[in-house]
Amino acid sequence: MEQFNQEYERYQRAQKQVNEIKGFYGNLAMYITVNLFLMFINLKYSPEYLWFFWPLLGWGIGVVFHGMKAFNYTPFLGREWEERKMKEFMDKEKQQNNGQ
């Protein structure tokens, strides 16, 4: 029974990960579509001022962070960092308790 529960939890985590990646690809597709449309409007009606770069940059930052989250790429404050910090705090508390 325990193995079934572990397998089910692994399945749930995998399903959540797949949904995150699907959401990212949807966001990426909308980002490309909308920004191509904005670029077209900008270049057709006011080519003297290239304003389409601003939404491209702003939304692009969000897309990058969404991708990092979807693909579990967190070079700062990621899961490994959390585990190291927790171990550090637990070791520190253990040393303090042993010193008393």
Protein backbone atom coordinates (compact mmCIF):
# COMPACT_ATOMS: atom_id res chain seq x y z
CA MET A 1 0.00 0.00 0.00
CA GLU A 2 2.85 2.37 0.87
CA GLN A 3 4.48 1.80 -2.52
CA PHE A 4 1.18 2.60 -4.25
CA ASN A 5 0.97 5.92 -2.38
CA GLN A 6 4.54 6.83 -3.30
CA GLU A 7 3.92 5.93 -6.93
CA TYR A 8 0.72 8.01 -6.95
CA GLU A 9 2.56 11.00 -5.44
CA ARG A 10 5.29 10.69 -8.08
CA TYR A 11 2.59 10.58 -10.76
CA GLN A 12 0.93 13.69 -9.33
CA ARG A 13 4.25 15.60 -9.28
CA ALA A 14 5.00 14.54 -12.87
CA GLN A 15 1.53 15.60 -13.97
CA LYS A 16 1.97 18.99 -12.29
CA GLN A 17 5.34 19.41 -14.05
CA VAL A 18 3.83 18.57 -17.44
CA ASN A 19 1.03 21.10 -16.86
CA GLU A 20 3.62 23.75 -15.94
CA ILE A 21 5.52 23.09 -19.18
CA LYS A 22 2.30 23.19 -21.24
CA GLY A 23 1.43 26.52 -19.62
CA PHE A 24 4.85 27.87 -20.47
CA TYR A 25 4.54 26.87 -24.13
CA GLY A 26 1.11 28.52 -24.29
CA ASN A 27 2.56 31.70 -22.78
CA LEU A 28 5.49 31.58 -25.22
CA ALA A 29 3.16 31.14 -28.22
CA MET A 30 1.04 34.12 -27.14
CA TYR A 31 4.19 36.18 -26.50
CA ILE A 32 5.44 35.55 -30.03
CA THR A 33 2.05 36.08 -31.69
CA VAL A 34 1.15 39.29 -29.86
CA ASN A 35 4.61 40.81 -30.21
CA LEU A 36 4.75 40.06 -33.95
CA PHE A 37 1.40 41.82 -34.26
CA LEU A 38 2.65 44.80 -32.24
CA MET A 39 5.81 44.94 -34.34
CA PHE A 40 3.71 44.99 -37.51
CA ILE A 41 1.51 47.81 -36.18
CA ASN A 42 4.53 49.80 -35.03
CA LEU A 43 6.48 49.45 -38.28
CA LYS A 44 3.44 50.16 -40.47
CA TYR A 45 2.00 53.20 -38.68
CA SER A 46 4.87 54.82 -36.76
CA PRO A 47 8.23 53.48 -37.97
CA GLU A 48 10.04 56.60 -36.75
CA TYR A 49 9.65 55.48 -33.11
CA LEU A 50 10.17 51.80 -32.31
CA TRP A 51 7.95 51.40 -29.25
CA PHE A 52 7.29 47.67 -29.74
CA PHE A 53 10.58 46.92 -27.94
CA TRP A 54 9.04 47.92 -24.58
CA PRO A 55 6.29 45.28 -24.40
CA LEU A 56 8.72 42.80 -25.99
CA LEU A 57 11.19 43.41 -23.16
CA GLY A 58 8.66 43.57 -20.31
CA TRP A 59 6.71 40.47 -21.26
CA GLY A 60 9.94 38.72 -22.26
CA ILE A 61 11.26 38.98 -18.71
CA GLY A 62 8.10 37.30 -17.47
CA VAL A 63 8.40 34.55 -20.10
CA VAL A 64 11.99 33.85 -19.04
CA PHE A 65 11.01 33.49 -15.37
CA HIS A 66 8.02 31.33 -16.30
CA GLY A 67 10.33 29.06 -18.31
CA MET A 68 12.79 28.83 -15.43
CA LYS A 69 9.99 27.76 -13.12
CA ALA A 70 8.46 25.31 -15.61
CA PHE A 71 11.76 23.55 -16.28
CA ASN A 72 12.95 23.68 -12.65
CA TYR A 73 15.96 25.85 -13.46
CA THR A 74 16.56 28.02 -10.42
CA PRO A 75 20.21 29.01 -10.15
CA PHE A 76 19.40 31.19 -7.14
CA LEU A 77 17.24 30.23 -4.20
CA GLY A 78 16.39 26.83 -5.67
CA ARG A 79 15.69 23.50 -4.02
CA GLU A 80 19.38 22.77 -3.41
CA TRP A 81 19.82 26.14 -1.71
CA GLU A 82 16.82 25.44 0.54
CA GLU A 83 18.21 22.06 1.55
CA ARG A 84 21.66 23.52 2.31
CA LYS A 85 20.16 26.32 4.42
CA MET A 86 17.90 23.94 6.32
CA LYS A 87 20.85 21.66 7.08
CA GLU A 88 22.91 24.67 8.14
CA PHE A 89 20.20 25.88 10.55
CA MET A 90 19.62 22.39 11.93
CA ASP A 91 23.38 21.91 12.52
CA LYS A 92 23.62 25.31 14.18
CA GLU A 93 20.70 24.52 16.50
CA LYS A 94 22.19 21.12 17.30
CA GLN A 95 25.52 22.74 18.24
CA GLN A 96 23.76 25.26 20.46
CA ASN A 97 21.79 22.52 22.23
CA ASN A 98 24.93 20.44 22.77
CA GLY A 99 26.77 23.42 24.23
CA GLN A 100 24.18 23.96 26.95
